Amino acid sequence: MATVGAVASARQLRKHEINLLTARFLKVRNMRQVAREWRISPTTVAKYLADRGMNTSRGMSEADIAGAVRLYAKGWSSIRIGQQLGFDNHTVLGALRSEGVPIRHAACAR
């Protein structure tokens, strides 16, 4: 019987699981994707990576942003640009918005 108001705690990953999680992040460079795949929160992923000495809070450089603007103008999606440049698509969209680029509707919504 569950206790009213009880909060489930996240399961703790073992060392070999953290190694796998870290390797996956290094491959895809997308914390949200790793979190979905491992069924844990992005905050938890960030904690495990930070415990490994990894800084995941890097932003896009001016050159990255210029490249993203150029690729977006060519019709690339924010997801594809993020994969190419190593950023989450939300980071790409934020950078595009900061440059005043009008954002297209998602392809699945068209």
PDB file of N, CA and C in Angstrom:
ATOM      1  N   MET A   1       0.839  -1.180   0.000  1.00  0.00           N
ATOM      2  CA  MET A   1       0.000   0.000   0.000  1.00  0.00           C
ATOM      3  C   MET A   1       0.881   1.239   0.000  1.00  0.00           C
ATOM      4  N   ALA A   2       0.654   2.149  -0.947  1.00  0.00           N
ATOM      5  CA  ALA A   2       1.462   3.364  -1.058  1.00  0.00           C
ATOM      6  C   ALA A   2       1.037   4.372  -0.017  1.00  0.00           C
ATOM      7  N   THR A   3       2.001   5.080   0.498  1.00  0.00           N
ATOM      8  CA  THR A   3       1.735   6.124   1.469  1.00  0.00           C
ATOM      9  C   THR A   3       1.349   7.392   0.728  1.00  0.00           C
ATOM     10  N   VAL A   4       0.303   8.048   1.187  1.00  0.00           N
ATOM     11  CA  VAL A   4      -0.143   9.286   0.561  1.00  0.00           C
ATOM     12  C   VAL A   4       0.954  10.326   0.703  1.00  0.00           C
ATOM     13  N   GLY A   5       1.281  10.987  -0.395  1.00  0.00           N
ATOM     14  CA  GLY A   5       2.292  12.035  -0.376  1.00  0.00           C
ATOM     15  C   GLY A   5       3.719  11.523  -0.465  1.00  0.00           C
ATOM     16  N   ALA A   6       3.903  10.216  -0.550  1.00  0.00           N
ATOM     17  CA  ALA A   6       5.257   9.671  -0.647  1.00  0.00           C
ATOM     18  C   ALA A   6       5.835   9.967  -2.029  1.00  0.00           C
ATOM     19  N   VAL A   7       7.118  10.224  -2.056  1.00  0.00           N
ATOM     20  CA  VAL A   7       7.809  10.514  -3.305  1.00  0.00           C
ATOM     21  C   VAL A   7       8.768   9.367  -3.594  1.00  0.00           C
ATOM     22  N   ALA A   8       8.664   8.822  -4.791  1.00  0.00           N
ATOM     23  CA  ALA A   8       9.555   7.728  -5.162  1.00  0.00           C
ATOM     24  C   ALA A   8      10.949   8.287  -5.411  1.00  0.00           C
ATOM     25  N   SER A   9      11.936   7.625  -4.903  1.00  0.00           N
ATOM     26  CA  SER A   9      13.304   8.080  -5.146  1.00  0.00           C
ATOM     27  C   SER A   9      13.829   7.413  -6.410  1.00  0.00           C
ATOM     28  N   ALA A  10      14.731   8.118  -7.069  1.00  0.00           N
ATOM     29  CA  ALA A  10      15.311   7.592  -8.299  1.00  0.00           C
ATOM     30  C   ALA A  10      16.217   6.420  -7.979  1.00  0.00           C
ATOM     31  N   ARG A  11      16.233   5.445  -8.877  1.00  0.00           N
ATOM     32  CA  ARG A  11      17.118   4.313  -8.645  1.00  0.00           C
ATOM     33  C   ARG A  11      18.549   4.771  -8.871  1.00  0.00           C
ATOM     34  N   GLN A  12      19.436   4.210  -8.121  1.00  0.00           N
ATOM     35  CA  GLN A  12      20.849   4.554  -8.212  1.00  0.00           C
ATOM     36  C   GLN A  12      21.510   3.684  -9.275  1.00  0.00           C
ATOM     37  N   LEU A  13      22.264   4.307 -10.147  1.00  0.00           N
ATOM     38  CA  LEU A  13      22.966   3.544 -11.171  1.00  0.00           C
ATOM     39  C   LEU A  13      24.254   2.982 -10.597  1.00  0.00           C
ATOM     40  N   ARG A  14      24.611   1.805 -11.055  1.00  0.00           N
ATOM     41  CA  ARG A  14      25.874   1.183 -10.660  1.00  0.00           C
ATOM     42  C   ARG A  14      26.993   1.792 -11.489  1.00  0.00           C
ATOM     43  N   LYS A  15      28.229   1.559 -11.065  1.00  0.00           N
ATOM     44  CA  LYS A  15      29.388   2.152 -11.722  1.00  0.00           C
ATOM     45  C   LYS A  15      29.433   1.815 -13.211  1.00  0.00           C
ATOM     46  N   HIS A  16      29.190   0.543 -13.568  1.00  0.00           N
ATOM     47  CA  HIS A  16      29.245   0.174 -14.981  1.00  0.00           C
ATOM     48  C   HIS A  16      28.116   0.846 -15.774  1.00  0.00           C
ATOM     49  N   GLU A  17      26.976   1.089 -15.129  1.00  0.00           N
ATOM     50  CA  GLU A  17      25.876   1.777 -15.799  1.00  0.00           C
ATOM     51  C   GLU A  17      26.227   3.248 -16.034  1.00  0.00           C
ATOM     52  N   ILE A  18      26.891   3.852 -15.063  1.00  0.00           N
ATOM     53  CA  ILE A  18      27.320   5.241 -15.224  1.00  0.00           C
ATOM     54  C   ILE A  18      28.350   5.338 -16.350  1.00  0.00           C
ATOM     55  N   ASN A  19      29.218   4.328 -16.457  1.00  0.00           N
ATOM     56  CA  ASN A  19      30.179   4.293 -17.568  1.00  0.00           C
ATOM     57  C   ASN A  19      29.444   4.258 -18.907  1.00  0.00           C
ATOM     58  N   LEU A  20      28.402   3.446 -19.001  1.00  0.00           N
ATOM     59  CA  LEU A  20      27.618   3.350 -20.233  1.00  0.00           C
ATOM     60  C   LEU A  20      26.884   4.654 -20.531  1.00  0.00           C
ATOM     61  N   LEU A  21      26.294   5.246 -19.489  1.00  0.00           N
ATOM     62  CA  LEU A  21      25.586   6.509 -19.631  1.00  0.00           C
ATOM     63  C   LEU A  21      26.547   7.591 -20.123  1.00  0.00           C
ATOM     64  N   THR A  22      27.734   7.654 -19.542  1.00  0.00           N
ATOM     65  CA  THR A  22      28.737   8.640 -19.933  1.00  0.00           C
ATOM     66  C   THR A  22      29.161   8.438 -21.382  1.00  0.00           C
ATOM     67  N   ALA A  23      29.398   7.207 -21.774  1.00  0.00           N
ATOM     68  CA  ALA A  23      29.792   6.909 -23.153  1.00  0.00           C
ATOM     69  C   ALA A  23      28.688   7.314 -24.124  1.00  0.00           C
ATOM     70  N   ARG A  24      27.456   7.050 -23.745  1.00  0.00           N
ATOM     71  CA  ARG A  24      26.328   7.424 -24.614  1.00  0.00           C
ATOM     72  C   ARG A  24      26.243   8.932 -24.767  1.00  0.00           C
ATOM     73  N   PHE A  25      26.415   9.661 -23.661  1.00  0.00           N
ATOM     74  CA  PHE A  25      26.374  11.122 -23.742  1.00  0.00           C
ATOM     75  C   PHE A  25      27.491  11.639 -24.651  1.00  0.00           C
ATOM     76  N   LEU A  26      28.683  11.093 -24.521  1.00  0.00           N
ATOM     77  CA  LEU A  26      29.800  11.536 -25.352  1.00  0.00           C
ATOM     78  C   LEU A  26      29.537  11.271 -26.831  1.00  0.00           C
ATOM     79  N   LYS A  27      28.747  10.241 -27.112  1.00  0.00           N
ATOM     80  CA  LYS A  27      28.425   9.922 -28.506  1.00  0.00           C
ATOM     81  C   LYS A  27      27.361  10.863 -29.062  1.00  0.00           C
ATOM     82  N   VAL A  28      26.276  11.080 -28.319  1.00  0.00           N
ATOM     83  CA  VAL A  28      25.154  11.853 -28.857  1.00  0.00           C
ATOM     84  C   VAL A  28      25.161  13.323 -28.454  1.00  0.00           C
ATOM     85  N   ARG A  29      25.883  13.660 -27.370  1.00  0.00           N
ATOM     86  CA  ARG A  29      25.976  15.042 -26.868  1.00  0.00           C
ATOM     87  C   ARG A  29      24.608  15.683 -26.685  1.00  0.00           C
ATOM     88  N   ASN A  30      23.664  14.900 -26.167  1.00  0.00           N
ATOM     89  CA  ASN A  30      22.312  15.396 -25.954  1.00  0.00           C
ATOM     90  C   ASN A  30      21.805  14.820 -24.638  1.00  0.00           C
ATOM     91  N   MET A  31      21.801  15.655 -23.606  1.00  0.00           N
ATOM     92  CA  MET A  31      21.442  15.183 -22.278  1.00  0.00           C
ATOM     93  C   MET A  31      19.986  14.725 -22.198  1.00  0.00           C
ATOM     94  N   ARG A  32      19.088  15.430 -22.886  1.00  0.00           N
ATOM     95  CA  ARG A  32      17.677  15.030 -22.856  1.00  0.00           C
ATOM     96  C   ARG A  32      17.484  13.652 -23.490  1.00  0.00           C
ATOM     97  N   GLN A  33      18.182  13.405 -24.577  1.00  0.00           N
ATOM     98  CA  GLN A  33      18.072  12.098 -25.234  1.00  0.00           C
ATOM     99  C   GLN A  33      18.573  10.990 -24.314  1.00  0.00           C
ATOM    100  N   VAL A  34      19.714  11.210 -23.679  1.00  0.00           N
ATOM    101  CA  VAL A  34      20.252  10.212 -22.758  1.00  0.00           C
ATOM    102  C   VAL A  34      19.280   9.987 -21.603  1.00  0.00           C
ATOM    103  N   ALA A  35      18.718  11.064 -21.089  1.00  0.00           N
ATOM    104  CA  ALA A  35      17.756  10.946 -19.984  1.00  0.00           C
ATOM    105  C   ALA A  35      16.545  10.112 -20.404  1.00  0.00           C
ATOM    106  N   ARG A  36      16.035  10.359 -21.607  1.00  0.00           N
ATOM    107  CA  ARG A  36      14.894   9.561 -22.100  1.00  0.00           C
ATOM    108  C   ARG A  36      15.277   8.095 -22.227  1.00  0.00           C
ATOM    109  N   GLU A  37      16.441   7.837 -22.811  1.00  0.00           N
ATOM    110  CA  GLU A  37      16.875   6.457 -23.019  1.00  0.00           C
ATOM    111  C   GLU A  37      17.058   5.715 -21.696  1.00  0.00           C
ATOM    112  N   TRP A  38      17.545   6.390 -20.674  1.00  0.00           N
ATOM    113  CA  TRP A  38      17.802   5.758 -19.372  1.00  0.00           C
ATOM    114  C   TRP A  38      16.604   5.884 -18.432  1.00  0.00           C
ATOM    115  N   ARG A  39      15.573   6.605 -18.886  1.00  0.00           N
ATOM    116  CA  ARG A  39      14.363   6.824 -18.079  1.00  0.00           C
ATOM    117  C   ARG A  39      14.691   7.467 -16.728  1.00  0.00           C
ATOM    118  N   ILE A  40      15.549   8.484 -16.808  1.00  0.00           N
ATOM    119  CA  ILE A  40      15.884   9.293 -15.637  1.00  0.00           C
ATOM    120  C   ILE A  40      15.801  10.758 -16.064  1.00  0.00           C
ATOM    121  N   SER A  41      15.842  11.658 -15.126  1.00  0.00           N
ATOM    122  CA  SER A  41      15.710  13.077 -15.459  1.00  0.00           C
ATOM    123  C   SER A  41      17.022  13.633 -16.021  1.00  0.00           C
ATOM    124  N   PRO A  42      16.927  14.690 -16.833  1.00  0.00           N
ATOM    125  CA  PRO A  42      18.140  15.344 -17.319  1.00  0.00           C
ATOM    126  C   PRO A  42      19.018  15.855 -16.166  1.00  0.00           C
ATOM    127  N   THR A  43      18.386  16.255 -15.079  1.00  0.00           N
ATOM    128  CA  THR A  43      19.130  16.717 -13.908  1.00  0.00           C
ATOM    129  C   THR A  43      19.980  15.591 -13.335  1.00  0.00           C
ATOM    130  N   THR A  44      19.427  14.389 -13.304  1.00  0.00           N
ATOM    131  CA  THR A  44      20.168  13.230 -12.804  1.00  0.00           C
ATOM    132  C   THR A  44      21.324  12.896 -13.740  1.00  0.00           C
ATOM    133  N   VAL A  45      21.081  12.970 -15.043  1.00  0.00           N
ATOM    134  CA  VAL A  45      22.155  12.740 -16.008  1.00  0.00           C
ATOM    135  C   VAL A  45      23.268  13.761 -15.763  1.00  0.00           C
ATOM    136  N   ALA A  46      22.895  15.027 -15.613  1.00  0.00           N
ATOM    137  CA  ALA A  46      23.885  16.085 -15.378  1.00  0.00           C
ATOM    138  C   ALA A  46      24.683  15.818 -14.109  1.00  0.00           C
ATOM    139  N   LYS A  47      24.010  15.321 -13.070  1.00  0.00           N
ATOM    140  CA  LYS A  47      24.700  15.019 -11.813  1.00  0.00           C
ATOM    141  C   LYS A  47      25.740  13.924 -12.019  1.00  0.00           C
ATOM    142  N   TYR A  48      25.360  12.838 -12.687  1.00  0.00           N
ATOM    143  CA  TYR A  48      26.304  11.750 -12.935  1.00  0.00           C
ATOM    144  C   TYR A  48      27.498  12.237 -13.767  1.00  0.00           C
ATOM    145  N   LEU A  49      27.224  13.055 -14.777  1.00  0.00           N
ATOM    146  CA  LEU A  49      28.301  13.556 -15.618  1.00  0.00           C
ATOM    147  C   LEU A  49      29.195  14.530 -14.844  1.00  0.00           C
ATOM    148  N   ALA A  50      28.587  15.373 -14.018  1.00  0.00           N
ATOM    149  CA  ALA A  50      29.366  16.309 -13.201  1.00  0.00           C
ATOM    150  C   ALA A  50      30.238  15.558 -12.208  1.00  0.00           C
ATOM    151  N   ASP A  51      29.698  14.463 -11.652  1.00  0.00           N
ATOM    152  CA  ASP A  51      30.492  13.630 -10.739  1.00  0.00           C
ATOM    153  C   ASP A  51      31.711  13.048 -11.442  1.00  0.00           C
ATOM    154  N   ARG A  52      31.627  12.925 -12.764  1.00  0.00           N
ATOM    155  CA  ARG A  52      32.750  12.423 -13.571  1.00  0.00           C
ATOM    156  C   ARG A  52      33.653  13.571 -14.039  1.00  0.00           C
ATOM    157  N   GLY A  53      33.355  14.783 -13.593  1.00  0.00           N
ATOM    158  CA  GLY A  53      34.176  15.933 -13.959  1.00  0.00           C
ATOM    159  C   GLY A  53      33.866  16.519 -15.320  1.00  0.00           C
ATOM    160  N   MET A  54      32.697  16.172 -15.861  1.00  0.00           N
ATOM    161  CA  MET A  54      32.319  16.666 -17.179  1.00  0.00           C
ATOM    162  C   MET A  54      31.470  17.918 -17.049  1.00  0.00           C
ATOM    163  N   ASN A  55      31.822  18.949 -17.791  1.00  0.00           N
ATOM    164  CA  ASN A  55      31.046  20.182 -17.812  1.00  0.00           C
ATOM    165  C   ASN A  55      30.072  20.096 -18.978  1.00  0.00           C
ATOM    166  N   THR A  56      28.793  20.027 -18.670  1.00  0.00           N
ATOM    167  CA  THR A  56      27.774  19.898 -19.717  1.00  0.00           C
ATOM    168  C   THR A  56      27.072  21.219 -19.990  1.00  0.00           C
ATOM    169  N   SER A  57      27.521  22.279 -19.385  1.00  0.00           N
ATOM    170  CA  SER A  57      26.833  23.565 -19.519  1.00  0.00           C
ATOM    171  C   SER A  57      27.475  24.487 -20.540  1.00  0.00           C
ATOM    172  N   ARG A  58      28.082  23.904 -21.566  1.00  0.00           N
ATOM    173  CA  ARG A  58      28.722  24.762 -22.559  1.00  0.00           C
ATOM    174  C   ARG A  58      27.667  25.379 -23.469  1.00  0.00           C
ATOM    175  N   GLY A  59      27.896  26.602 -23.861  1.00  0.00           N
ATOM    176  CA  GLY A  59      26.982  27.284 -24.762  1.00  0.00           C
ATOM    177  C   GLY A  59      27.548  27.292 -26.171  1.00  0.00           C
ATOM    178  N   MET A  60      26.770  27.815 -27.074  1.00  0.00           N
ATOM    179  CA  MET A  60      27.201  27.892 -28.466  1.00  0.00           C
ATOM    180  C   MET A  60      28.095  29.113 -28.647  1.00  0.00           C
ATOM    181  N   SER A  61      29.187  28.937 -29.363  1.00  0.00           N
ATOM    182  CA  SER A  61      30.068  30.059 -29.682  1.00  0.00           C
ATOM    183  C   SER A  61      29.427  30.888 -30.791  1.00  0.00           C
ATOM    184  N   GLU A  62      29.999  32.058 -31.052  1.00  0.00           N
ATOM    185  CA  GLU A  62      29.491  32.894 -32.143  1.00  0.00           C
ATOM    186  C   GLU A  62      29.576  32.155 -33.477  1.00  0.00           C
ATOM    187  N   ALA A  63      30.652  31.392 -33.661  1.00  0.00           N
ATOM    188  CA  ALA A  63      30.809  30.618 -34.906  1.00  0.00           C
ATOM    189  C   ALA A  63      29.750  29.517 -34.997  1.00  0.00           C
ATOM    190  N   ASP A  64      29.449  28.859 -33.858  1.00  0.00           N
ATOM    191  CA  ASP A  64      28.402  27.829 -33.839  1.00  0.00           C
ATOM    192  C   ASP A  64      27.056  28.439 -34.210  1.00  0.00           C
ATOM    193  N   ILE A  65      26.766  29.606 -33.626  1.00  0.00           N
ATOM    194  CA  ILE A  65      25.483  30.269 -33.888  1.00  0.00           C
ATOM    195  C   ILE A  65      25.388  30.677 -35.351  1.00  0.00           C
ATOM    196  N   ALA A  66      26.466  31.244 -35.883  1.00  0.00           N
ATOM    197  CA  ALA A  66      26.462  31.650 -37.298  1.00  0.00           C
ATOM    198  C   ALA A  66      26.240  30.433 -38.192  1.00  0.00           C
ATOM    199  N   GLY A  67      26.881  29.331 -37.851  1.00  0.00           N
ATOM    200  CA  GLY A  67      26.689  28.101 -38.622  1.00  0.00           C
ATOM    201  C   GLY A  67      25.264  27.597 -38.534  1.00  0.00           C
ATOM    202  N   ALA A  68      24.684  27.665 -37.333  1.00  0.00           N
ATOM    203  CA  ALA A  68      23.303  27.221 -37.144  1.00  0.00           C
ATOM    204  C   ALA A  68      22.349  28.084 -37.960  1.00  0.00           C
ATOM    205  N   VAL A  69      22.562  29.386 -37.959  1.00  0.00           N
ATOM    206  CA  VAL A  69      21.711  30.296 -38.741  1.00  0.00           C
ATOM    207  C   VAL A  69      21.809  29.950 -40.224  1.00  0.00           C
ATOM    208  N   ARG A  70      23.017  29.719 -40.703  1.00  0.00           N
ATOM    209  CA  ARG A  70      23.240  29.393 -42.118  1.00  0.00           C
ATOM    210  C   ARG A  70      22.537  28.077 -42.497  1.00  0.00           C
ATOM    211  N   LEU A  71      22.707  27.052 -41.641  1.00  0.00           N
ATOM    212  CA  LEU A  71      22.100  25.748 -41.926  1.00  0.00           C
ATOM    213  C   LEU A  71      20.572  25.801 -41.843  1.00  0.00           C
ATOM    214  N   TYR A  72      20.058  26.555 -40.865  1.00  0.00           N
ATOM    215  CA  TYR A  72      18.610  26.683 -40.723  1.00  0.00           C
ATOM    216  C   TYR A  72      18.012  27.370 -41.959  1.00  0.00           C
ATOM    217  N   ALA A  73      18.722  28.377 -42.466  1.00  0.00           N
ATOM    218  CA  ALA A  73      18.266  29.077 -43.672  1.00  0.00           C
ATOM    219  C   ALA A  73      18.261  28.147 -44.886  1.00  0.00           C
ATOM    220  N   LYS A  74      19.121  27.122 -44.860  1.00  0.00           N
ATOM    221  CA  LYS A  74      19.156  26.132 -45.950  1.00  0.00           C
ATOM    222  C   LYS A  74      18.056  25.086 -45.808  1.00  0.00           C
ATOM    223  N   GLY A  75      17.275  25.162 -44.719  1.00  0.00           N
ATOM    224  CA  GLY A  75      16.166  24.231 -44.528  1.00  0.00           C
ATOM    225  C   GLY A  75      16.428  23.110 -43.545  1.00  0.00           C
ATOM    226  N   TRP A  76      17.610  23.095 -42.912  1.00  0.00           N
ATOM    227  CA  TRP A  76      17.906  22.056 -41.926  1.00  0.00           C
ATOM    228  C   TRP A  76      17.010  22.241 -40.710  1.00  0.00           C
ATOM    229  N   SER A  77      16.666  21.148 -40.056  1.00  0.00           N
ATOM    230  CA  SER A  77      15.890  21.214 -38.814  1.00  0.00           C
ATOM    231  C   SER A  77      16.821  21.532 -37.647  1.00  0.00           C
ATOM    232  N   SER A  78      16.255  22.018 -36.556  1.00  0.00           N
ATOM    233  CA  SER A  78      17.067  22.303 -35.367  1.00  0.00           C
ATOM    234  C   SER A  78      17.667  21.016 -34.806  1.00  0.00           C
ATOM    235  N   ILE A  79      16.955  19.903 -34.951  1.00  0.00           N
ATOM    236  CA  ILE A  79      17.482  18.616 -34.471  1.00  0.00           C
ATOM    237  C   ILE A  79      18.713  18.224 -35.283  1.00  0.00           C
ATOM    238  N   ARG A  80      18.607  18.327 -36.605  1.00  0.00           N
ATOM    239  CA  ARG A  80      19.737  17.974 -37.469  1.00  0.00           C
ATOM    240  C   ARG A  80      20.934  18.902 -37.213  1.00  0.00           C
ATOM    241  N   ILE A  81      20.664  20.194 -37.036  1.00  0.00           N
ATOM    242  CA  ILE A  81      21.742  21.145 -36.753  1.00  0.00           C
ATOM    243  C   ILE A  81      22.402  20.786 -35.426  1.00  0.00           C
ATOM    244  N   GLY A  82      21.585  20.478 -34.421  1.00  0.00           N
ATOM    245  CA  GLY A  82      22.126  20.096 -33.120  1.00  0.00           C
ATOM    246  C   GLY A  82      23.015  18.872 -33.207  1.00  0.00           C
ATOM    247  N   GLN A  83      22.585  17.895 -33.979  1.00  0.00           N
ATOM    248  CA  GLN A  83      23.401  16.682 -34.155  1.00  0.00           C
ATOM    249  C   GLN A  83      24.716  17.020 -34.846  1.00  0.00           C
ATOM    250  N   GLN A  84      24.662  17.886 -35.833  1.00  0.00           N
ATOM    251  CA  GLN A  84      25.861  18.266 -36.584  1.00  0.00           C
ATOM    252  C   GLN A  84      26.848  19.039 -35.707  1.00  0.00           C
ATOM    253  N   LEU A  85      26.323  19.957 -34.886  1.00  0.00           N
ATOM    254  CA  LEU A  85      27.191  20.835 -34.093  1.00  0.00           C
ATOM    255  C   LEU A  85      27.436  20.335 -32.678  1.00  0.00           C
ATOM    256  N   GLY A  86      26.703  19.293 -32.259  1.00  0.00           N
ATOM    257  CA  GLY A  86      26.909  18.742 -30.928  1.00  0.00           C
ATOM    258  C   GLY A  86      26.132  19.446 -29.835  1.00  0.00           C
ATOM    259  N   PHE A  87      24.944  19.950 -30.175  1.00  0.00           N
ATOM    260  CA  PHE A  87      24.102  20.634 -29.195  1.00  0.00           C
ATOM    261  C   PHE A  87      22.698  20.054 -29.220  1.00  0.00           C
ATOM    262  N   ASP A  88      22.000  20.203 -28.127  1.00  0.00           N
ATOM    263  CA  ASP A  88      20.601  19.857 -28.020  1.00  0.00           C
ATOM    264  C   ASP A  88      19.809  20.788 -28.939  1.00  0.00           C
ATOM    265  N   ASN A  89      18.728  20.284 -29.537  1.00  0.00           N
ATOM    266  CA  ASN A  89      17.956  21.127 -30.453  1.00  0.00           C
ATOM    267  C   ASN A  89      17.326  22.323 -29.742  1.00  0.00           C
ATOM    268  N   HIS A  90      17.064  22.223 -28.437  1.00  0.00           N
ATOM    269  CA  HIS A  90      16.520  23.366 -27.685  1.00  0.00           C
ATOM    270  C   HIS A  90      17.563  24.473 -27.587  1.00  0.00           C
ATOM    271  N   THR A  91      18.829  24.109 -27.461  1.00  0.00           N
ATOM    272  CA  THR A  91      19.914  25.085 -27.438  1.00  0.00           C
ATOM    273  C   THR A  91      20.012  25.775 -28.793  1.00  0.00           C
ATOM    274  N   VAL A  92      19.889  24.999 -29.860  1.00  0.00           N
ATOM    275  CA  VAL A  92      19.934  25.555 -31.211  1.00  0.00           C
ATOM    276  C   VAL A  92      18.772  26.526 -31.418  1.00  0.00           C
ATOM    277  N   LEU A  93      17.570  26.116 -31.038  1.00  0.00           N
ATOM    278  CA  LEU A  93      16.410  26.991 -31.203  1.00  0.00           C
ATOM    279  C   LEU A  93      16.575  28.291 -30.418  1.00  0.00           C
ATOM    280  N   GLY A  94      17.095  28.191 -29.202  1.00  0.00           N
ATOM    281  CA  GLY A  94      17.327  29.394 -28.394  1.00  0.00           C
ATOM    282  C   GLY A  94      18.316  30.333 -29.059  1.00  0.00           C
ATOM    283  N   ALA A  95      19.371  29.769 -29.633  1.00  0.00           N
ATOM    284  CA  ALA A  95      20.376  30.586 -30.317  1.00  0.00           C
ATOM    285  C   ALA A  95      19.774  31.240 -31.563  1.00  0.00           C
ATOM    286  N   LEU A  96      18.972  30.492 -32.308  1.00  0.00           N
ATOM    287  CA  LEU A  96      18.330  31.052 -33.497  1.00  0.00           C
ATOM    288  C   LEU A  96      17.396  32.195 -33.112  1.00  0.00           C
ATOM    289  N   ARG A  97      16.620  31.993 -32.064  1.00  0.00           N
ATOM    290  CA  ARG A  97      15.708  33.048 -31.595  1.00  0.00           C
ATOM    291  C   ARG A  97      16.488  34.284 -31.156  1.00  0.00           C
ATOM    292  N   SER A  98      17.615  34.070 -30.475  1.00  0.00           N
ATOM    293  CA  SER A  98      18.412  35.209 -30.005  1.00  0.00           C
ATOM    294  C   SER A  98      18.970  36.031 -31.168  1.00  0.00           C
ATOM    295  N   GLU A  99      19.079  35.410 -32.335  1.00  0.00           N
ATOM    296  CA  GLU A  99      19.544  36.101 -33.536  1.00  0.00           C
ATOM    297  C   GLU A  99      18.385  36.670 -34.355  1.00  0.00           C
ATOM    298  N   GLY A 100      17.168  36.511 -33.848  1.00  0.00           N
ATOM    299  CA  GLY A 100      15.993  37.053 -34.538  1.00  0.00           C
ATOM    300  C   GLY A 100      15.511  36.216 -35.710  1.00  0.00           C
ATOM    301  N   VAL A 101      15.937  34.959 -35.771  1.00  0.00           N
ATOM    302  CA  VAL A 101      15.533  34.076 -36.876  1.00  0.00           C
ATOM    303  C   VAL A 101      14.108  33.585 -36.612  1.00  0.00           C
ATOM    304  N   PRO A 102      13.196  33.765 -37.589  1.00  0.00           N
ATOM    305  CA  PRO A 102      11.851  33.222 -37.427  1.00  0.00           C
ATOM    306  C   PRO A 102      11.900  31.688 -37.415  1.00  0.00           C
ATOM    307  N   ILE A 103      11.252  31.087 -36.439  1.00  0.00           N
ATOM    308  CA  ILE A 103      11.281  29.629 -36.275  1.00  0.00           C
ATOM    309  C   ILE A 103      10.111  29.011 -37.045  1.00  0.00           C
ATOM    310  N   ARG A 104      10.428  28.004 -37.852  1.00  0.00           N
ATOM    311  CA  ARG A 104       9.404  27.287 -38.619  1.00  0.00           C
ATOM    312  C   ARG A 104       8.640  26.341 -37.692  1.00  0.00           C
ATOM    313  N   HIS A 105       7.451  25.952 -38.118  1.00  0.00           N
ATOM    314  CA  HIS A 105       6.694  24.938 -37.400  1.00  0.00           C
ATOM    315  C   HIS A 105       7.384  23.583 -37.577  1.00  0.00           C
ATOM    316  N   ALA A 106       7.244  22.722 -36.582  1.00  0.00           N
ATOM    317  CA  ALA A 106       7.841  21.385 -36.654  1.00  0.00           C
ATOM    318  C   ALA A 106       7.283  20.635 -37.859  1.00  0.00           C
ATOM    319  N   ALA A 107       8.118  19.842 -38.492  1.00  0.00           N
ATOM    320  CA  ALA A 107       7.720  19.102 -39.684  1.00  0.00           C
ATOM    321  C   ALA A 107       6.533  18.186 -39.423  1.00  0.00           C
ATOM    322  N   CYS A 108       6.480  17.588 -38.217  1.00  0.00           N
ATOM    323  CA  CYS A 108       5.379  16.671 -37.922  1.00  0.00           C
ATOM    324  C   CYS A 108       4.052  17.412 -37.777  1.00  0.00           C
ATOM    325  N   ALA A 109       4.095  18.724 -37.569  1.00  0.00           N
ATOM    326  CA  ALA A 109       2.871  19.503 -37.403  1.00  0.00           C
ATOM    327  C   ALA A 109       2.363  20.034 -38.746  1.00  0.00           C
ATOM    328  N   ARG A 110       3.187  19.904 -39.789  1.00  0.00           N
ATOM    329  CA  ARG A 110       2.782  20.435 -41.106  1.00  0.00           C
ATOM    330  C   ARG A 110       1.889  19.496 -41.839  1.00  0.00           C
TER     331      ARG A 110
END
